[in-house]
Amino acid sequence: MAVPDSTSDQDHPLPPGQKARPDLPVRHYGPIPRRKPDPWPIAVGGQLADRTVTTSVAELLEAPATGVTADLHCASGWSCLDLEWEGVPAATLLEIAPPPPGVTDVLVYGEYGYSANVTVEDLRSPQALIATTLGGVPLSAEHGAPVRLVLPHLYCWKGPKWFRGWDYVTPDTLGFWEARGYHRVGNCWLEQRHTLPGPPKEDLI
């Protein structure tokens, strides 16, 4: 997918170690879901007093749509700039199913059990989006249709394609790549790529 012309890293601030590229590559772990249940369910559980709150993309989209223009950064060193996302703020789901008192950590899920650990504050970010469109058109299957989580201040493995919801968890809970040596926080501006030695890998989200 092509992006706007303003992709030069000479006039566009980039996190340390990143290089701009003119397209958005397709990277993910596991197969692309071809059969999508309608409505696409989204669940919030974990430490919610033994209950799970379930909603759907259609129900979320009853809230006012929000647009976010933001870069997408991969821990392997590429960045795709000025992507135009539209959807519902992640904070909307926080309002539907608030975190229990004192819980600060979240495990976000994609299809096939993919997970990444983030924080409640990451999801409260004004740019944190449950996105359904990219560049003014619905997400393609390869880029996460019908919905993906976008967290622009973190490396892109933290924002799952085919978003399924999240669990409120204890701070020692790690996601798929974090358990394999990726950084627990993943702030791209602090270059938090990995916690174990070794060369950067492609983010497969």
N, C-alpha and C. Protein backbone atom coordinates (compact mmCIF):
# COMPACT_ATOMS: atom_id res chain seq x y z
N MET A 1 0.85 -1.19 0.00
CA MET A 1 0.00 0.00 0.00
C MET A 1 0.88 1.24 0.00
N ALA A 2 0.62 2.17 -0.92
CA ALA A 2 1.41 3.40 -0.99
C ALA A 2 0.96 4.36 0.09
N VAL A 3 1.86 5.27 0.46
CA VAL A 3 1.57 6.28 1.48
C VAL A 3 1.79 7.65 0.88
N PRO A 4 1.38 8.74 1.56
CA PRO A 4 1.57 10.08 1.03
C PRO A 4 3.03 10.38 0.71
N ASP A 5 3.22 11.46 -0.09
CA ASP A 5 4.57 11.77 -0.59
C ASP A 5 5.54 12.20 0.49
N SER A 6 5.04 12.64 1.64
CA SER A 6 5.92 13.19 2.68
C SER A 6 6.59 12.05 3.46
N THR A 7 7.42 11.27 2.77
CA THR A 7 8.05 10.12 3.40
C THR A 7 9.55 10.30 3.60
N SER A 8 10.05 11.49 3.41
CA SER A 8 11.48 11.72 3.60
C SER A 8 11.79 11.87 5.07
N ASP A 9 12.75 11.07 5.57
CA ASP A 9 13.10 11.20 6.98
C ASP A 9 13.97 12.42 7.24
N GLN A 10 14.28 13.20 6.18
CA GLN A 10 15.05 14.43 6.37
C GLN A 10 14.20 15.55 6.95
N ASP A 11 12.91 15.55 6.65
CA ASP A 11 12.04 16.60 7.17
C ASP A 11 10.91 16.04 8.03
N HIS A 12 11.04 14.81 8.43
CA HIS A 12 10.02 14.15 9.24
C HIS A 12 10.72 13.45 10.40
N PRO A 13 10.50 13.89 11.63
CA PRO A 13 11.19 13.25 12.77
C PRO A 13 10.86 11.77 12.85
N LEU A 14 11.90 10.97 13.03
CA LEU A 14 11.73 9.53 13.17
C LEU A 14 12.37 9.07 14.48
N PRO A 15 11.87 8.00 15.07
CA PRO A 15 12.53 7.45 16.25
C PRO A 15 13.94 6.99 15.91
N PRO A 16 14.80 6.86 16.91
CA PRO A 16 16.19 6.44 16.66
C PRO A 16 16.24 5.10 15.92
N GLY A 17 17.13 5.02 14.95
CA GLY A 17 17.36 3.77 14.25
C GLY A 17 16.35 3.43 13.19
N GLN A 18 15.42 4.33 12.88
CA GLN A 18 14.38 4.05 11.90
C GLN A 18 14.68 4.71 10.55
N LYS A 19 14.24 4.06 9.47
CA LYS A 19 14.34 4.60 8.12
C LYS A 19 12.96 4.55 7.47
N ALA A 20 12.58 5.65 6.80
CA ALA A 20 11.28 5.70 6.15
C ALA A 20 11.27 4.83 4.90
N ARG A 21 10.10 4.23 4.63
CA ARG A 21 9.92 3.50 3.38
C ARG A 21 8.59 3.94 2.76
N PRO A 22 8.46 3.84 1.42
CA PRO A 22 7.30 4.42 0.74
C PRO A 22 6.07 3.52 0.67
N ASP A 23 6.10 2.38 1.32
CA ASP A 23 4.95 1.50 1.27
C ASP A 23 4.77 0.84 2.63
N LEU A 24 3.61 0.26 2.83
CA LEU A 24 3.33 -0.45 4.07
C LEU A 24 3.40 -1.95 3.80
N PRO A 25 4.46 -2.61 4.26
CA PRO A 25 4.59 -4.03 3.98
C PRO A 25 3.58 -4.86 4.77
N VAL A 26 3.37 -6.07 4.31
CA VAL A 26 2.48 -6.99 5.00
C VAL A 26 3.33 -7.90 5.88
N ARG A 27 3.17 -7.77 7.19
CA ARG A 27 3.91 -8.59 8.15
C ARG A 27 2.92 -9.05 9.22
N HIS A 28 2.91 -10.33 9.51
CA HIS A 28 2.08 -10.83 10.58
C HIS A 28 2.50 -12.25 10.91
N TYR A 29 2.10 -12.68 12.09
CA TYR A 29 2.36 -14.04 12.53
C TYR A 29 1.13 -14.89 12.27
N GLY A 30 1.31 -16.01 11.60
CA GLY A 30 0.18 -16.89 11.33
C GLY A 30 -0.56 -16.52 10.07
N PRO A 31 -1.63 -17.26 9.75
CA PRO A 31 -2.38 -17.03 8.52
C PRO A 31 -3.30 -15.82 8.61
N ILE A 32 -3.75 -15.36 7.45
CA ILE A 32 -4.74 -14.30 7.38
C ILE A 32 -6.14 -14.90 7.54
N PRO A 33 -6.94 -14.42 8.47
CA PRO A 33 -8.30 -14.96 8.61
C PRO A 33 -9.11 -14.69 7.34
N ARG A 34 -9.65 -15.73 6.75
CA ARG A 34 -10.44 -15.57 5.53
C ARG A 34 -11.93 -15.63 5.81
N ARG A 35 -12.32 -16.35 6.85
CA ARG A 35 -13.72 -16.42 7.23
C ARG A 35 -13.92 -15.61 8.50
N LYS A 36 -14.65 -14.52 8.40
CA LYS A 36 -14.81 -13.60 9.52
C LYS A 36 -16.24 -13.66 10.04
N PRO A 37 -16.42 -14.00 11.31
CA PRO A 37 -17.77 -14.01 11.87
C PRO A 37 -18.39 -12.62 11.83
N ASP A 38 -19.68 -12.57 11.61
CA ASP A 38 -20.40 -11.30 11.57
C ASP A 38 -21.54 -11.37 12.59
N PRO A 39 -21.55 -10.54 13.62
CA PRO A 39 -20.57 -9.47 13.86
C PRO A 39 -19.27 -9.99 14.45
N TRP A 40 -18.20 -9.25 14.20
CA TRP A 40 -16.88 -9.59 14.72
C TRP A 40 -16.85 -9.31 16.21
N PRO A 41 -16.78 -10.33 17.08
CA PRO A 41 -16.85 -10.08 18.53
C PRO A 41 -15.54 -9.54 19.09
N ILE A 42 -15.67 -8.66 20.04
CA ILE A 42 -14.53 -8.09 20.78
C ILE A 42 -14.84 -8.25 22.26
N ALA A 43 -13.93 -8.87 22.99
CA ALA A 43 -14.18 -9.19 24.39
C ALA A 43 -13.14 -8.56 25.30
N VAL A 44 -13.58 -8.12 26.45
CA VAL A 44 -12.69 -7.61 27.51
C VAL A 44 -12.90 -8.47 28.74
N GLY A 45 -11.81 -9.05 29.24
CA GLY A 45 -11.93 -9.93 30.40
C GLY A 45 -10.73 -9.79 31.31
N GLY A 46 -10.27 -10.92 31.83
CA GLY A 46 -9.18 -10.89 32.80
C GLY A 46 -9.71 -10.59 34.18
N GLN A 47 -9.11 -9.62 34.83
CA GLN A 47 -9.46 -9.31 36.21
C GLN A 47 -10.71 -8.42 36.29
N LEU A 48 -11.81 -8.95 35.77
CA LEU A 48 -13.07 -8.22 35.81
C LEU A 48 -14.08 -8.97 36.69
N ALA A 49 -13.65 -9.40 37.85
CA ALA A 49 -14.53 -10.09 38.80
C ALA A 49 -15.21 -11.28 38.15
N ASP A 50 -14.39 -12.08 37.43
CA ASP A 50 -14.86 -13.32 36.82
C ASP A 50 -15.97 -13.11 35.78
N ARG A 51 -15.92 -11.98 35.10
CA ARG A 51 -16.89 -11.76 34.04
C ARG A 51 -16.15 -11.25 32.80
N THR A 52 -16.79 -11.36 31.67
CA THR A 52 -16.24 -10.86 30.42
C THR A 52 -17.28 -9.96 29.77
N VAL A 53 -16.83 -8.80 29.31
CA VAL A 53 -17.70 -7.87 28.59
C VAL A 53 -17.47 -8.07 27.10
N THR A 54 -18.52 -8.37 26.37
CA THR A 54 -18.40 -8.63 24.94
C THR A 54 -19.16 -7.57 24.15
N THR A 55 -18.51 -7.04 23.13
CA THR A 55 -19.14 -6.10 22.21
C THR A 55 -18.77 -6.55 20.80
N SER A 56 -18.95 -5.69 19.83
CA SER A 56 -18.61 -6.03 18.45
C SER A 56 -18.13 -4.78 17.73
N VAL A 57 -17.53 -4.98 16.57
CA VAL A 57 -17.10 -3.84 15.77
C VAL A 57 -18.30 -2.95 15.46
N ALA A 58 -19.42 -3.55 15.07
CA ALA A 58 -20.60 -2.77 14.71
C ALA A 58 -21.07 -1.91 15.89
N GLU A 59 -21.07 -2.47 17.09
CA GLU A 59 -21.50 -1.71 18.27
C GLU A 59 -20.50 -0.60 18.58
N LEU A 60 -19.21 -0.88 18.45
CA LEU A 60 -18.22 0.16 18.71
C LEU A 60 -18.37 1.32 17.73
N LEU A 61 -18.69 1.00 16.48
CA LEU A 61 -18.79 2.04 15.46
C LEU A 61 -20.03 2.91 15.61
N GLU A 62 -20.88 2.57 16.58
CA GLU A 62 -21.98 3.48 16.89
C GLU A 62 -21.47 4.74 17.59
N ALA A 63 -20.27 4.66 18.16
CA ALA A 63 -19.63 5.85 18.73
C ALA A 63 -19.08 6.72 17.60
N PRO A 64 -18.90 8.02 17.84
CA PRO A 64 -18.38 8.90 16.79
C PRO A 64 -17.03 8.42 16.27
N ALA A 65 -16.88 8.44 14.95
CA ALA A 65 -15.61 8.03 14.34
C ALA A 65 -14.53 9.07 14.59
N THR A 66 -13.31 8.61 14.67
CA THR A 66 -12.15 9.47 14.90
C THR A 66 -11.08 9.15 13.87
N GLY A 67 -10.44 10.18 13.34
CA GLY A 67 -9.33 9.98 12.42
C GLY A 67 -8.01 10.29 13.10
N VAL A 68 -7.00 9.50 12.79
CA VAL A 68 -5.65 9.70 13.33
C VAL A 68 -4.66 9.55 12.18
N THR A 69 -3.80 10.54 12.00
CA THR A 69 -2.71 10.44 11.05
C THR A 69 -1.44 10.19 11.85
N ALA A 70 -0.80 9.05 11.61
CA ALA A 70 0.34 8.66 12.44
C ALA A 70 1.26 7.73 11.67
N ASP A 71 2.50 7.64 12.14
CA ASP A 71 3.48 6.74 11.56
C ASP A 71 3.35 5.35 12.18
N LEU A 72 3.84 4.36 11.44
CA LEU A 72 3.90 2.98 11.94
C LEU A 72 5.36 2.56 11.93
N HIS A 73 5.87 2.13 13.08
CA HIS A 73 7.29 1.84 13.24
C HIS A 73 7.51 0.37 13.57
N CYS A 74 8.38 -0.27 12.82
CA CYS A 74 8.73 -1.67 13.05
C CYS A 74 10.05 -1.74 13.81
N ALA A 75 10.17 -2.68 14.75
CA ALA A 75 11.39 -2.82 15.53
C ALA A 75 12.59 -3.23 14.68
N SER A 76 12.35 -3.73 13.47
CA SER A 76 13.47 -4.09 12.59
C SER A 76 14.09 -2.88 11.91
N GLY A 77 13.45 -1.69 12.03
CA GLY A 77 14.08 -0.46 11.56
C GLY A 77 13.38 0.30 10.47
N TRP A 78 12.24 -0.17 9.95
CA TRP A 78 11.52 0.60 8.94
C TRP A 78 10.35 1.34 9.57
N SER A 79 10.00 2.44 8.92
CA SER A 79 8.84 3.24 9.34
C SER A 79 8.03 3.62 8.11
N CYS A 80 6.72 3.54 8.23
CA CYS A 80 5.81 4.00 7.19
C CYS A 80 5.09 5.23 7.74
N LEU A 81 5.19 6.34 6.99
CA LEU A 81 4.82 7.63 7.55
C LEU A 81 3.43 8.10 7.13
N ASP A 82 2.84 8.89 8.01
CA ASP A 82 1.60 9.62 7.72
C ASP A 82 0.46 8.72 7.25
N LEU A 83 0.29 7.61 7.89
CA LEU A 83 -0.83 6.74 7.57
C LEU A 83 -2.12 7.34 8.14
N GLU A 84 -3.17 7.32 7.36
CA GLU A 84 -4.44 7.92 7.76
C GLU A 84 -5.40 6.81 8.20
N TRP A 85 -5.56 6.69 9.52
CA TRP A 85 -6.44 5.69 10.10
C TRP A 85 -7.76 6.33 10.53
N GLU A 86 -8.83 5.53 10.53
CA GLU A 86 -10.08 6.00 11.09
C GLU A 86 -10.74 4.84 11.84
N GLY A 87 -11.38 5.17 12.92
CA GLY A 87 -12.04 4.15 13.73
C GLY A 87 -12.58 4.76 15.01
N VAL A 88 -12.44 4.03 16.10
CA VAL A 88 -12.95 4.45 17.40
C VAL A 88 -11.79 4.51 18.38
N PRO A 89 -11.68 5.56 19.19
CA PRO A 89 -10.61 5.61 20.17
C PRO A 89 -10.61 4.38 21.07
N ALA A 90 -9.42 3.87 21.36
CA ALA A 90 -9.34 2.73 22.28
C ALA A 90 -9.94 3.08 23.63
N ALA A 91 -9.92 4.35 23.99
CA ALA A 91 -10.51 4.79 25.26
C ALA A 91 -12.00 4.50 25.32
N THR A 92 -12.66 4.38 24.17
CA THR A 92 -14.08 4.04 24.15
C THR A 92 -14.32 2.67 24.76
N LEU A 93 -13.45 1.71 24.43
CA LEU A 93 -13.59 0.37 25.00
C LEU A 93 -13.23 0.38 26.48
N LEU A 94 -12.31 1.25 26.88
CA LEU A 94 -12.01 1.40 28.31
C LEU A 94 -13.24 1.91 29.07
N GLU A 95 -14.04 2.75 28.42
CA GLU A 95 -15.24 3.25 29.07
C GLU A 95 -16.32 2.17 29.16
N ILE A 96 -16.41 1.33 28.12
CA ILE A 96 -17.41 0.26 28.13
C ILE A 96 -17.08 -0.78 29.20
N ALA A 97 -15.78 -1.10 29.31
CA ALA A 97 -15.33 -2.11 30.29
C ALA A 97 -14.12 -1.55 31.02
N PRO A 98 -14.34 -0.73 32.05
CA PRO A 98 -13.23 -0.07 32.74
C PRO A 98 -12.32 -1.07 33.46
N PRO A 99 -11.05 -0.72 33.60
CA PRO A 99 -10.15 -1.58 34.37
C PRO A 99 -10.52 -1.59 35.83
N PRO A 100 -10.33 -2.71 36.51
CA PRO A 100 -10.58 -2.75 37.95
C PRO A 100 -9.62 -1.80 38.67
N PRO A 101 -9.98 -1.34 39.86
CA PRO A 101 -9.11 -0.45 40.62
C PRO A 101 -7.72 -1.05 40.82
N GLY A 102 -6.70 -0.26 40.55
CA GLY A 102 -5.32 -0.68 40.76
C GLY A 102 -4.72 -1.49 39.63
N VAL A 103 -5.49 -1.87 38.62
CA VAL A 103 -4.96 -2.65 37.50
C VAL A 103 -4.44 -1.70 36.43
N THR A 104 -3.19 -1.85 36.06
CA THR A 104 -2.56 -0.96 35.09
C THR A 104 -2.10 -1.67 33.82
N ASP A 105 -2.12 -3.01 33.80
CA ASP A 105 -1.56 -3.76 32.68
C ASP A 105 -2.65 -4.48 31.90
N VAL A 106 -2.41 -4.61 30.59
CA VAL A 106 -3.40 -5.16 29.67
C VAL A 106 -2.70 -6.11 28.71
N LEU A 107 -3.36 -7.19 28.37
CA LEU A 107 -2.89 -8.09 27.32
C LEU A 107 -3.89 -7.98 26.17
N VAL A 108 -3.45 -7.36 25.06
CA VAL A 108 -4.33 -7.18 23.90
C VAL A 108 -4.20 -8.38 22.98
N TYR A 109 -5.30 -8.73 22.32
CA TYR A 109 -5.35 -9.95 21.52
C TYR A 109 -5.69 -9.67 20.06
N GLY A 110 -5.10 -10.49 19.20
CA GLY A 110 -5.53 -10.59 17.81
C GLY A 110 -6.10 -11.97 17.57
N GLU A 111 -6.37 -12.27 16.30
CA GLU A 111 -6.88 -13.59 15.94
C GLU A 111 -5.83 -14.66 16.21
N TYR A 112 -6.28 -15.90 16.37
CA TYR A 112 -5.42 -17.06 16.57
C TYR A 112 -4.58 -16.98 17.85
N GLY A 113 -5.04 -16.18 18.83
CA GLY A 113 -4.37 -16.14 20.12
C GLY A 113 -3.15 -15.25 20.20
N TYR A 114 -2.85 -14.49 19.13
CA TYR A 114 -1.73 -13.54 19.21
C TYR A 114 -2.00 -12.53 20.33
N SER A 115 -0.95 -12.14 21.05
CA SER A 115 -1.13 -11.20 22.15
C SER A 115 0.08 -10.30 22.29
N ALA A 116 -0.13 -9.15 22.92
CA ALA A 116 0.95 -8.21 23.25
C ALA A 116 0.56 -7.50 24.53
N ASN A 117 1.53 -7.31 25.42
CA ASN A 117 1.22 -6.60 26.65
C ASN A 117 1.47 -5.10 26.50
N VAL A 118 0.49 -4.31 26.95
CA VAL A 118 0.58 -2.86 26.96
C VAL A 118 0.05 -2.40 28.32
N THR A 119 -0.15 -1.11 28.46
CA THR A 119 -0.70 -0.58 29.71
C THR A 119 -2.02 0.13 29.44
N VAL A 120 -2.78 0.35 30.50
CA VAL A 120 -4.01 1.12 30.37
C VAL A 120 -3.69 2.51 29.84
N GLU A 121 -2.60 3.09 30.29
CA GLU A 121 -2.24 4.44 29.81
C GLU A 121 -1.92 4.44 28.32
N ASP A 122 -1.31 3.36 27.81
CA ASP A 122 -1.09 3.27 26.36
C ASP A 122 -2.43 3.36 25.62
N LEU A 123 -3.44 2.69 26.15
CA LEU A 123 -4.75 2.67 25.49
C LEU A 123 -5.49 3.99 25.66
N ARG A 124 -5.11 4.78 26.66
CA ARG A 124 -5.73 6.09 26.85
C ARG A 124 -5.10 7.16 25.96
N SER A 125 -4.00 6.85 25.29
CA SER A 125 -3.34 7.83 24.43
C SER A 125 -4.33 8.40 23.41
N PRO A 126 -4.28 9.71 23.14
CA PRO A 126 -5.20 10.30 22.16
C PRO A 126 -5.08 9.68 20.77
N GLN A 127 -3.93 9.07 20.46
CA GLN A 127 -3.74 8.45 19.15
C GLN A 127 -4.05 6.95 19.14
N ALA A 128 -4.34 6.38 20.27
CA ALA A 128 -4.65 4.95 20.33
C ALA A 128 -6.01 4.71 19.71
N LEU A 129 -6.06 3.88 18.68
CA LEU A 129 -7.26 3.75 17.87
C LEU A 129 -7.59 2.29 17.58
N ILE A 130 -8.86 1.96 17.66
CA ILE A 130 -9.37 0.69 17.13
C ILE A 130 -9.80 1.00 15.71
N ALA A 131 -8.95 0.71 14.74
CA ALA A 131 -9.08 1.23 13.38
C ALA A 131 -9.82 0.25 12.47
N THR A 132 -10.68 0.81 11.63
CA THR A 132 -11.41 0.02 10.64
C THR A 132 -11.10 0.45 9.21
N THR A 133 -10.50 1.63 9.02
CA THR A 133 -10.14 2.07 7.69
C THR A 133 -8.70 2.57 7.67
N LEU A 134 -8.11 2.53 6.49
CA LEU A 134 -6.75 3.02 6.26
C LEU A 134 -6.74 3.73 4.92
N GLY A 135 -6.32 4.99 4.94
CA GLY A 135 -6.30 5.76 3.70
C GLY A 135 -7.68 5.99 3.12
N GLY A 136 -8.70 6.03 3.97
CA GLY A 136 -10.05 6.33 3.52
C GLY A 136 -10.83 5.14 3.01
N VAL A 137 -10.26 3.95 3.06
CA VAL A 137 -10.98 2.75 2.60
C VAL A 137 -10.93 1.69 3.70
N PRO A 138 -11.89 0.76 3.72
CA PRO A 138 -11.85 -0.29 4.75
C PRO A 138 -10.55 -1.06 4.71
N LEU A 139 -10.10 -1.48 5.88
CA LEU A 139 -8.88 -2.28 5.96
C LEU A 139 -8.98 -3.50 5.05
N SER A 140 -7.88 -3.84 4.41
CA SER A 140 -7.81 -5.09 3.67
C SER A 140 -7.55 -6.23 4.64
N ALA A 141 -7.79 -7.45 4.19
CA ALA A 141 -7.53 -8.61 5.03
C ALA A 141 -6.07 -8.65 5.47
N GLU A 142 -5.17 -8.32 4.55
CA GLU A 142 -3.74 -8.38 4.86
C GLU A 142 -3.32 -7.36 5.92
N HIS A 143 -4.06 -6.27 6.02
CA HIS A 143 -3.72 -5.22 6.99
C HIS A 143 -4.64 -5.22 8.20
N GLY A 144 -5.40 -6.32 8.40
CA GLY A 144 -6.08 -6.47 9.67
C GLY A 144 -7.58 -6.44 9.68
N ALA A 145 -8.24 -6.41 8.51
CA ALA A 145 -9.70 -6.33 8.48
C ALA A 145 -10.33 -7.47 9.30
N PRO A 146 -11.39 -7.13 10.02
CA PRO A 146 -12.15 -5.88 9.94
C PRO A 146 -11.65 -4.78 10.87
N VAL A 147 -10.72 -5.10 11.77
CA VAL A 147 -10.33 -4.10 12.76
C VAL A 147 -8.94 -4.43 13.31
N ARG A 148 -8.14 -3.39 13.53
CA ARG A 148 -6.84 -3.59 14.16
C ARG A 148 -6.61 -2.49 15.19
N LEU A 149 -5.74 -2.77 16.13
CA LEU A 149 -5.39 -1.79 17.16
C LEU A 149 -4.16 -1.02 16.71
N VAL A 150 -4.23 0.30 16.80
CA VAL A 150 -3.13 1.17 16.38
C VAL A 150 -2.63 1.94 17.60
N LEU A 151 -1.35 1.76 17.92
CA LEU A 151 -0.70 2.45 19.05
C LEU A 151 0.57 3.11 18.53
N PRO A 152 0.48 4.30 17.94
CA PRO A 152 1.60 4.87 17.20
C PRO A 152 2.86 5.14 18.00
N HIS A 153 2.77 5.30 19.32
CA HIS A 153 3.95 5.61 20.11
C HIS A 153 4.75 4.35 20.45
N LEU A 154 4.20 3.18 20.12
CA LEU A 154 4.88 1.91 20.38
C LEU A 154 5.24 1.25 19.05
N TYR A 155 6.22 0.33 19.08
CA TYR A 155 6.50 -0.45 17.88
C TYR A 155 5.25 -1.23 17.48
N CYS A 156 5.15 -1.51 16.19
CA CYS A 156 3.86 -1.97 15.67
C CYS A 156 3.48 -3.38 16.09
N TRP A 157 4.42 -4.17 16.65
CA TRP A 157 3.98 -5.49 17.13
C TRP A 157 2.99 -5.37 18.30
N LYS A 158 2.95 -4.18 18.93
CA LYS A 158 2.05 -3.97 20.07
C LYS A 158 0.60 -3.76 19.65
N GLY A 159 0.35 -3.49 18.38
CA GLY A 159 -1.00 -3.24 17.90
C GLY A 159 -1.47 -4.37 17.00
N PRO A 160 -2.18 -5.36 17.52
CA PRO A 160 -2.54 -6.53 16.72
C PRO A 160 -3.49 -6.22 15.57
N LYS A 161 -3.22 -6.87 14.44
CA LYS A 161 -4.23 -6.97 13.39
C LYS A 161 -5.34 -7.91 13.89
N TRP A 162 -6.50 -7.85 13.21
CA TRP A 162 -7.63 -8.74 13.54
C TRP A 162 -7.90 -8.73 15.05
N PHE A 163 -8.00 -7.49 15.55
CA PHE A 163 -8.11 -7.24 16.99
C PHE A 163 -9.33 -7.94 17.57
N ARG A 164 -9.12 -8.61 18.72
CA ARG A 164 -10.18 -9.38 19.38
C ARG A 164 -10.53 -8.87 20.77
N GLY A 165 -9.76 -7.89 21.29
CA GLY A 165 -10.06 -7.37 22.61
C GLY A 165 -8.86 -7.44 23.52
N TRP A 166 -9.11 -7.40 24.83
CA TRP A 166 -7.99 -7.45 25.78
C TRP A 166 -8.45 -8.01 27.12
N ASP A 167 -7.44 -8.41 27.91
CA ASP A 167 -7.63 -8.84 29.29
C ASP A 167 -6.87 -7.89 30.20
N TYR A 168 -7.46 -7.55 31.33
CA TYR A 168 -6.74 -6.85 32.39
C TYR A 168 -5.95 -7.89 33.17
N VAL A 169 -4.63 -7.64 33.32
CA VAL A 169 -3.75 -8.68 33.83
C VAL A 169 -2.81 -8.12 34.89
N THR A 170 -2.03 -9.02 35.51
CA THR A 170 -1.01 -8.61 36.46
C THR A 170 0.23 -8.16 35.69
N PRO A 171 1.09 -7.34 36.31
CA PRO A 171 2.23 -6.77 35.59
C PRO A 171 3.24 -7.77 35.05
N ASP A 172 3.24 -9.00 35.53
CA ASP A 172 4.23 -9.97 35.07
C ASP A 172 3.75 -10.79 33.87
N THR A 173 2.61 -10.42 33.28
CA THR A 173 2.08 -11.14 32.12
C THR A 173 2.71 -10.60 30.85
N LEU A 174 3.26 -11.52 30.04
CA LEU A 174 3.92 -11.13 28.79
C LEU A 174 3.12 -11.62 27.59
N GLY A 175 3.22 -10.86 26.50
CA GLY A 175 2.58 -11.26 25.26
C GLY A 175 3.46 -12.20 24.45
N PHE A 176 3.01 -12.47 23.22
CA PHE A 176 3.67 -13.47 22.37
C PHE A 176 5.13 -13.15 22.13
N TRP A 177 5.42 -11.95 21.61
CA TRP A 177 6.82 -11.61 21.31
C TRP A 177 7.59 -11.20 22.55
N GLU A 178 6.93 -10.61 23.52
CA GLU A 178 7.63 -10.23 24.75
C GLU A 178 8.18 -11.47 25.46
N ALA A 179 7.45 -12.56 25.42
CA ALA A 179 7.93 -13.81 26.02
C ALA A 179 9.10 -14.40 25.25
N ARG A 180 9.34 -13.90 24.04
CA ARG A 180 10.44 -14.39 23.19
C ARG A 180 11.57 -13.37 23.07
N GLY A 181 11.60 -12.40 23.98
CA GLY A 181 12.73 -11.50 24.04
C GLY A 181 12.49 -10.08 23.58
N TYR A 182 11.31 -9.79 23.07
CA TYR A 182 11.01 -8.40 22.71
C TYR A 182 10.76 -7.59 23.99
N HIS A 183 10.94 -6.28 23.88
CA HIS A 183 10.87 -5.41 25.05
C HIS A 183 9.46 -5.37 25.63
N ARG A 184 9.39 -5.33 26.94
CA ARG A 184 8.08 -5.31 27.60
C ARG A 184 7.28 -4.06 27.25
N VAL A 185 7.95 -2.90 27.15
CA VAL A 185 7.25 -1.64 26.90
C VAL A 185 7.15 -1.35 25.40
N GLY A 186 8.27 -1.38 24.68
CA GLY A 186 8.25 -1.20 23.23
C GLY A 186 8.04 0.23 22.77
N ASN A 187 8.49 1.21 23.58
CA ASN A 187 8.39 2.61 23.15
C ASN A 187 9.40 2.86 22.04
N CYS A 188 8.92 3.21 20.84
CA CYS A 188 9.83 3.36 19.71
C CYS A 188 10.75 4.58 19.86
N TRP A 189 10.31 5.61 20.56
CA TRP A 189 11.14 6.81 20.73
C TRP A 189 12.27 6.58 21.72
N LEU A 190 12.13 5.57 22.57
CA LEU A 190 13.20 5.19 23.48
C LEU A 190 13.99 3.99 22.96
N GLU A 191 13.67 3.55 21.75
CA GLU A 191 14.34 2.43 21.07
C GLU A 191 14.30 1.15 21.93
N GLN A 192 13.14 0.90 22.48
CA GLN A 192 12.95 -0.29 23.33
C GLN A 192 12.53 -1.47 22.45
N ARG A 193 13.52 -2.08 21.81
CA ARG A 193 13.24 -3.14 20.85
C ARG A 193 13.22 -4.52 21.50
N HIS A 194 14.32 -4.88 22.16
CA HIS A 194 14.46 -6.23 22.68
C HIS A 194 15.09 -6.19 24.07
N THR A 195 14.81 -7.21 24.85
CA THR A 195 15.43 -7.34 26.16
C THR A 195 16.48 -8.45 26.18
N LEU A 196 16.50 -9.29 25.14
CA LEU A 196 17.50 -10.33 25.01
C LEU A 196 18.46 -9.98 23.89
N PRO A 197 19.73 -10.39 23.97
CA PRO A 197 20.68 -10.06 22.91
C PRO A 197 20.29 -10.70 21.60
N GLY A 198 20.70 -10.06 20.51
CA GLY A 198 20.42 -10.59 19.18
C GLY A 198 20.01 -9.48 18.24
N PRO A 199 20.10 -9.69 16.94
CA PRO A 199 19.75 -8.65 15.97
C PRO A 199 18.25 -8.43 15.93
N PRO A 200 17.80 -7.20 15.56
CA PRO A 200 16.37 -6.95 15.42
C PRO A 200 15.74 -7.88 14.39
N LYS A 201 14.51 -8.26 14.64
CA LYS A 201 13.76 -9.10 13.72
C LYS A 201 12.60 -8.30 13.14
N GLU A 202 11.99 -8.84 12.10
CA GLU A 202 10.79 -8.22 11.57
C GLU A 202 9.65 -8.36 12.58
N ASP A 203 8.90 -7.28 12.79
CA ASP A 203 7.69 -7.37 13.60
C ASP A 203 6.66 -8.20 12.84
N LEU A 204 6.19 -9.24 13.43
CA LEU A 204 5.13 -10.04 12.85
C LEU A 204 3.92 -9.89 13.76
N ILE A 205 2.96 -9.11 13.31
CA ILE A 205 1.88 -8.69 14.21
C ILE A 205 0.55 -9.29 13.78
